[in-house]
Amino acid sequence: MAKESMKAREVKRKKLVEKYAAKRAKLKAEGDYIGLSKLPKNSSPTRMHNRCTLTGRPKGYMRQFGLSRITFREMASAGLIPGIRKASW
């Protein structure tokens, strides 16, 4: 389980990315890298981390499902993910 403060930090970064997306695209198109450097650092989409939607775990993230590998395995074993069958784990 991720710390609540880490989850909150990611939510804050997501809001900043959404807020500055249009401005960032405009500055990039113009080639104004000085203007880009004046934007907040956390407004860059590369600073966001993918996290499991259920546990908040940042490592072992499976982008297709939005889950960590551990949560994915638990849900697949319980039959909660349609189309996934346990092979030989």
N, C-alpha and C. Protein backbone atom coordinates (compact mmCIF):
# COMPACT_ATOMS: atom_id res chain seq x y z
N MET A 1 0.83 -1.17 0.00
CA MET A 1 0.00 0.00 0.00
C MET A 1 0.89 1.25 0.00
N ALA A 2 0.61 2.16 -0.88
CA ALA A 2 1.39 3.39 -0.95
C ALA A 2 0.95 4.36 0.14
N LYS A 3 1.87 5.21 0.52
CA LYS A 3 1.53 6.24 1.52
C LYS A 3 0.51 7.19 0.92
N GLU A 4 -0.34 7.71 1.77
CA GLU A 4 -1.36 8.65 1.32
C GLU A 4 -0.71 9.92 0.77
N SER A 5 0.42 10.32 1.35
CA SER A 5 1.09 11.54 0.89
C SER A 5 1.63 11.35 -0.54
N MET A 6 2.08 10.14 -0.85
CA MET A 6 2.59 9.87 -2.20
C MET A 6 1.45 9.88 -3.22
N LYS A 7 0.31 9.32 -2.83
CA LYS A 7 -0.85 9.33 -3.72
C LYS A 7 -1.32 10.76 -3.96
N ALA A 8 -1.32 11.56 -2.89
CA ALA A 8 -1.76 12.96 -3.00
C ALA A 8 -0.81 13.75 -3.89
N ARG A 9 0.47 13.45 -3.81
CA ARG A 9 1.46 14.13 -4.65
C ARG A 9 1.21 13.84 -6.12
N GLU A 10 0.85 12.61 -6.41
CA GLU A 10 0.56 12.23 -7.80
C GLU A 10 -0.70 12.93 -8.31
N VAL A 11 -1.71 13.07 -7.46
CA VAL A 11 -2.94 13.76 -7.84
C VAL A 11 -2.63 15.23 -8.14
N LYS A 12 -1.78 15.83 -7.31
CA LYS A 12 -1.38 17.21 -7.50
C LYS A 12 -0.64 17.39 -8.84
N ARG A 13 0.27 16.46 -9.14
CA ARG A 13 1.01 16.52 -10.40
C ARG A 13 0.07 16.37 -11.59
N LYS A 14 -0.91 15.49 -11.47
CA LYS A 14 -1.85 15.27 -12.56
C LYS A 14 -2.64 16.55 -12.86
N LYS A 15 -3.05 17.25 -11.80
CA LYS A 15 -3.78 18.51 -11.98
C LYS A 15 -2.90 19.55 -12.66
N LEU A 16 -1.63 19.63 -12.25
CA LEU A 16 -0.71 20.60 -12.86
C LEU A 16 -0.49 20.29 -14.34
N VAL A 17 -0.35 19.01 -14.68
CA VAL A 17 -0.14 18.62 -16.07
C VAL A 17 -1.35 19.03 -16.91
N GLU A 18 -2.55 18.79 -16.40
CA GLU A 18 -3.76 19.16 -17.13
C GLU A 18 -3.88 20.68 -17.28
N LYS A 19 -3.49 21.40 -16.24
CA LYS A 19 -3.61 22.86 -16.24
C LYS A 19 -2.68 23.50 -17.28
N TYR A 20 -1.46 23.00 -17.38
CA TYR A 20 -0.46 23.61 -18.24
C TYR A 20 -0.27 22.91 -19.58
N ALA A 21 -1.10 21.94 -19.91
CA ALA A 21 -0.91 21.17 -21.15
C ALA A 21 -0.98 22.05 -22.39
N ALA A 22 -1.98 22.91 -22.48
CA ALA A 22 -2.14 23.76 -23.66
C ALA A 22 -0.99 24.76 -23.76
N LYS A 23 -0.64 25.36 -22.65
CA LYS A 23 0.45 26.34 -22.64
C LYS A 23 1.77 25.67 -23.03
N ARG A 24 2.00 24.47 -22.50
CA ARG A 24 3.23 23.74 -22.80
C ARG A 24 3.30 23.38 -24.28
N ALA A 25 2.17 22.96 -24.87
CA ALA A 25 2.14 22.61 -26.30
C ALA A 25 2.41 23.83 -27.16
N LYS A 26 1.85 24.96 -26.78
CA LYS A 26 2.05 26.21 -27.53
C LYS A 26 3.52 26.63 -27.50
N LEU A 27 4.12 26.60 -26.31
CA LEU A 27 5.53 26.98 -26.18
C LEU A 27 6.45 26.03 -26.94
N LYS A 28 6.13 24.74 -26.94
CA LYS A 28 6.94 23.77 -27.68
C LYS A 28 6.85 24.01 -29.17
N ALA A 29 5.63 24.33 -29.66
CA ALA A 29 5.44 24.57 -31.09
C ALA A 29 6.22 25.81 -31.54
N GLU A 30 6.30 26.82 -30.67
CA GLU A 30 7.03 28.04 -30.99
C GLU A 30 8.53 27.86 -30.81
N GLY A 31 8.94 26.83 -30.10
CA GLY A 31 10.36 26.61 -29.83
C GLY A 31 10.88 27.50 -28.71
N ASP A 32 10.00 27.99 -27.86
CA ASP A 32 10.36 28.88 -26.75
C ASP A 32 10.75 28.03 -25.53
N TYR A 33 12.00 27.62 -25.49
CA TYR A 33 12.44 26.75 -24.40
C TYR A 33 12.71 27.52 -23.12
N ILE A 34 12.93 28.81 -23.23
CA ILE A 34 13.09 29.64 -22.03
C ILE A 34 11.74 29.74 -21.32
N GLY A 35 10.68 29.94 -22.09
CA GLY A 35 9.34 29.97 -21.51
C GLY A 35 8.95 28.65 -20.89
N LEU A 36 9.37 27.55 -21.53
CA LEU A 36 9.09 26.22 -20.98
C LEU A 36 9.79 26.02 -19.64
N SER A 37 11.01 26.53 -19.54
CA SER A 37 11.77 26.34 -18.30
C SER A 37 11.18 27.14 -17.14
N LYS A 38 10.37 28.15 -17.45
CA LYS A 38 9.75 28.97 -16.39
C LYS A 38 8.46 28.34 -15.85
N LEU A 39 7.95 27.33 -16.54
CA LEU A 39 6.76 26.63 -16.04
C LEU A 39 7.15 25.78 -14.83
N PRO A 40 6.19 25.43 -13.98
CA PRO A 40 6.50 24.57 -12.83
C PRO A 40 7.05 23.21 -13.30
N LYS A 41 8.03 22.70 -12.59
CA LYS A 41 8.65 21.43 -12.97
C LYS A 41 7.66 20.28 -12.98
N ASN A 42 6.73 20.27 -12.02
CA ASN A 42 5.77 19.17 -11.93
C ASN A 42 4.67 19.26 -12.97
N SER A 43 4.69 20.29 -13.83
CA SER A 43 3.69 20.38 -14.88
C SER A 43 4.09 19.57 -16.11
N SER A 44 5.27 18.98 -16.07
CA SER A 44 5.72 18.13 -17.17
C SER A 44 5.13 16.73 -17.01
N PRO A 45 4.55 16.17 -18.08
CA PRO A 45 3.93 14.84 -17.96
C PRO A 45 4.93 13.72 -17.67
N THR A 46 6.21 13.95 -17.93
CA THR A 46 7.20 12.90 -17.68
C THR A 46 7.48 12.72 -16.19
N ARG A 47 7.05 13.66 -15.37
CA ARG A 47 7.29 13.54 -13.93
C ARG A 47 6.21 12.75 -13.21
N MET A 48 5.18 12.34 -13.93
CA MET A 48 4.11 11.54 -13.33
C MET A 48 4.52 10.07 -13.29
N HIS A 49 4.06 9.37 -12.28
CA HIS A 49 4.33 7.94 -12.16
C HIS A 49 3.03 7.18 -12.40
N ASN A 50 3.15 6.01 -13.03
CA ASN A 50 2.00 5.13 -13.14
C ASN A 50 1.85 4.39 -11.82
N ARG A 51 0.64 4.34 -11.30
CA ARG A 51 0.39 3.66 -10.04
C ARG A 51 -0.81 2.75 -10.18
N CYS A 52 -0.80 1.65 -9.44
CA CYS A 52 -1.93 0.72 -9.40
C CYS A 52 -3.16 1.47 -8.90
N THR A 53 -4.29 1.27 -9.56
CA THR A 53 -5.49 2.00 -9.19
C THR A 53 -6.07 1.52 -7.86
N LEU A 54 -5.78 0.29 -7.46
CA LEU A 54 -6.33 -0.24 -6.21
C LEU A 54 -5.39 -0.02 -5.02
N THR A 55 -4.11 -0.31 -5.19
CA THR A 55 -3.18 -0.24 -4.06
C THR A 55 -2.28 0.98 -4.08
N GLY A 56 -2.09 1.59 -5.24
CA GLY A 56 -1.20 2.74 -5.35
C GLY A 56 0.25 2.35 -5.52
N ARG A 57 0.52 1.07 -5.73
CA ARG A 57 1.89 0.58 -5.88
C ARG A 57 2.49 1.11 -7.19
N PRO A 58 3.71 1.71 -7.14
CA PRO A 58 4.30 2.28 -8.36
C PRO A 58 5.11 1.27 -9.18
N LYS A 59 5.53 0.18 -8.56
CA LYS A 59 6.39 -0.77 -9.28
C LYS A 59 5.58 -1.95 -9.79
N GLY A 60 6.03 -2.53 -10.89
CA GLY A 60 5.34 -3.68 -11.46
C GLY A 60 3.99 -3.31 -12.03
N TYR A 61 3.89 -2.12 -12.62
CA TYR A 61 2.62 -1.60 -13.15
C TYR A 61 2.36 -2.17 -14.53
N MET A 62 1.15 -2.67 -14.74
CA MET A 62 0.74 -3.21 -16.04
C MET A 62 -0.20 -2.18 -16.68
N ARG A 63 0.31 -1.48 -17.68
CA ARG A 63 -0.41 -0.35 -18.27
C ARG A 63 -1.75 -0.76 -18.88
N GLN A 64 -1.81 -1.93 -19.48
CA GLN A 64 -3.03 -2.38 -20.15
C GLN A 64 -4.20 -2.52 -19.17
N PHE A 65 -3.91 -2.90 -17.94
CA PHE A 65 -4.95 -3.13 -16.94
C PHE A 65 -5.02 -2.04 -15.88
N GLY A 66 -3.98 -1.23 -15.74
CA GLY A 66 -3.95 -0.19 -14.72
C GLY A 66 -3.74 -0.75 -13.33
N LEU A 67 -3.12 -1.93 -13.26
CA LEU A 67 -2.91 -2.60 -11.98
C LEU A 67 -1.45 -2.99 -11.82
N SER A 68 -1.03 -3.22 -10.58
CA SER A 68 0.30 -3.77 -10.35
C SER A 68 0.25 -5.27 -10.62
N ARG A 69 1.41 -5.86 -10.78
CA ARG A 69 1.47 -7.29 -11.11
C ARG A 69 0.88 -8.15 -10.00
N ILE A 70 1.04 -7.72 -8.76
CA ILE A 70 0.54 -8.49 -7.62
C ILE A 70 -0.99 -8.46 -7.58
N THR A 71 -1.54 -7.28 -7.75
CA THR A 71 -3.00 -7.13 -7.75
C THR A 71 -3.61 -7.87 -8.94
N PHE A 72 -2.93 -7.77 -10.09
CA PHE A 72 -3.40 -8.46 -11.29
C PHE A 72 -3.46 -9.96 -11.05
N ARG A 73 -2.42 -10.49 -10.45
CA ARG A 73 -2.37 -11.94 -10.21
C ARG A 73 -3.47 -12.38 -9.24
N GLU A 74 -3.68 -11.60 -8.18
CA GLU A 74 -4.73 -11.93 -7.22
C GLU A 74 -6.11 -11.90 -7.87
N MET A 75 -6.36 -10.88 -8.67
CA MET A 75 -7.66 -10.76 -9.32
C MET A 75 -7.87 -11.83 -10.39
N ALA A 76 -6.80 -12.18 -11.11
CA ALA A 76 -6.91 -13.22 -12.13
C ALA A 76 -7.17 -14.58 -11.48
N SER A 77 -6.53 -14.85 -10.36
CA SER A 77 -6.74 -16.11 -9.66
C SER A 77 -8.17 -16.22 -9.12
N ALA A 78 -8.73 -15.08 -8.73
CA ALA A 78 -10.10 -15.06 -8.22
C ALA A 78 -11.13 -15.03 -9.34
N GLY A 79 -10.67 -14.90 -10.60
CA GLY A 79 -11.58 -14.89 -11.74
C GLY A 79 -12.28 -13.55 -11.94
N LEU A 80 -11.68 -12.46 -11.45
CA LEU A 80 -12.30 -11.15 -11.54
C LEU A 80 -11.94 -10.39 -12.83
N ILE A 81 -10.96 -10.89 -13.56
CA ILE A 81 -10.57 -10.25 -14.82
C ILE A 81 -11.05 -11.14 -15.96
N PRO A 82 -12.00 -10.67 -16.76
CA PRO A 82 -12.53 -11.51 -17.85
C PRO A 82 -11.49 -11.76 -18.93
N GLY A 83 -11.47 -12.98 -19.44
CA GLY A 83 -10.56 -13.35 -20.52
C GLY A 83 -9.19 -13.80 -20.05
N ILE A 84 -8.93 -13.77 -18.76
CA ILE A 84 -7.63 -14.20 -18.23
C ILE A 84 -7.81 -15.50 -17.49
N ARG A 85 -7.02 -16.51 -17.91
CA ARG A 85 -7.06 -17.80 -17.23
C ARG A 85 -5.70 -18.10 -16.65
N LYS A 86 -5.69 -18.72 -15.51
CA LYS A 86 -4.42 -19.07 -14.87
C LYS A 86 -3.77 -20.19 -15.67
N ALA A 87 -2.51 -19.99 -16.00
CA ALA A 87 -1.76 -20.99 -16.73
C ALA A 87 -0.93 -21.79 -15.73
N SER A 88 0.35 -21.48 -15.60
CA SER A 88 1.21 -22.19 -14.65
C SER A 88 2.04 -21.19 -13.90
N TRP A 89 1.43 -20.49 -12.97
CA TRP A 89 2.16 -19.49 -12.19
C TRP A 89 2.82 -20.20 -11.05
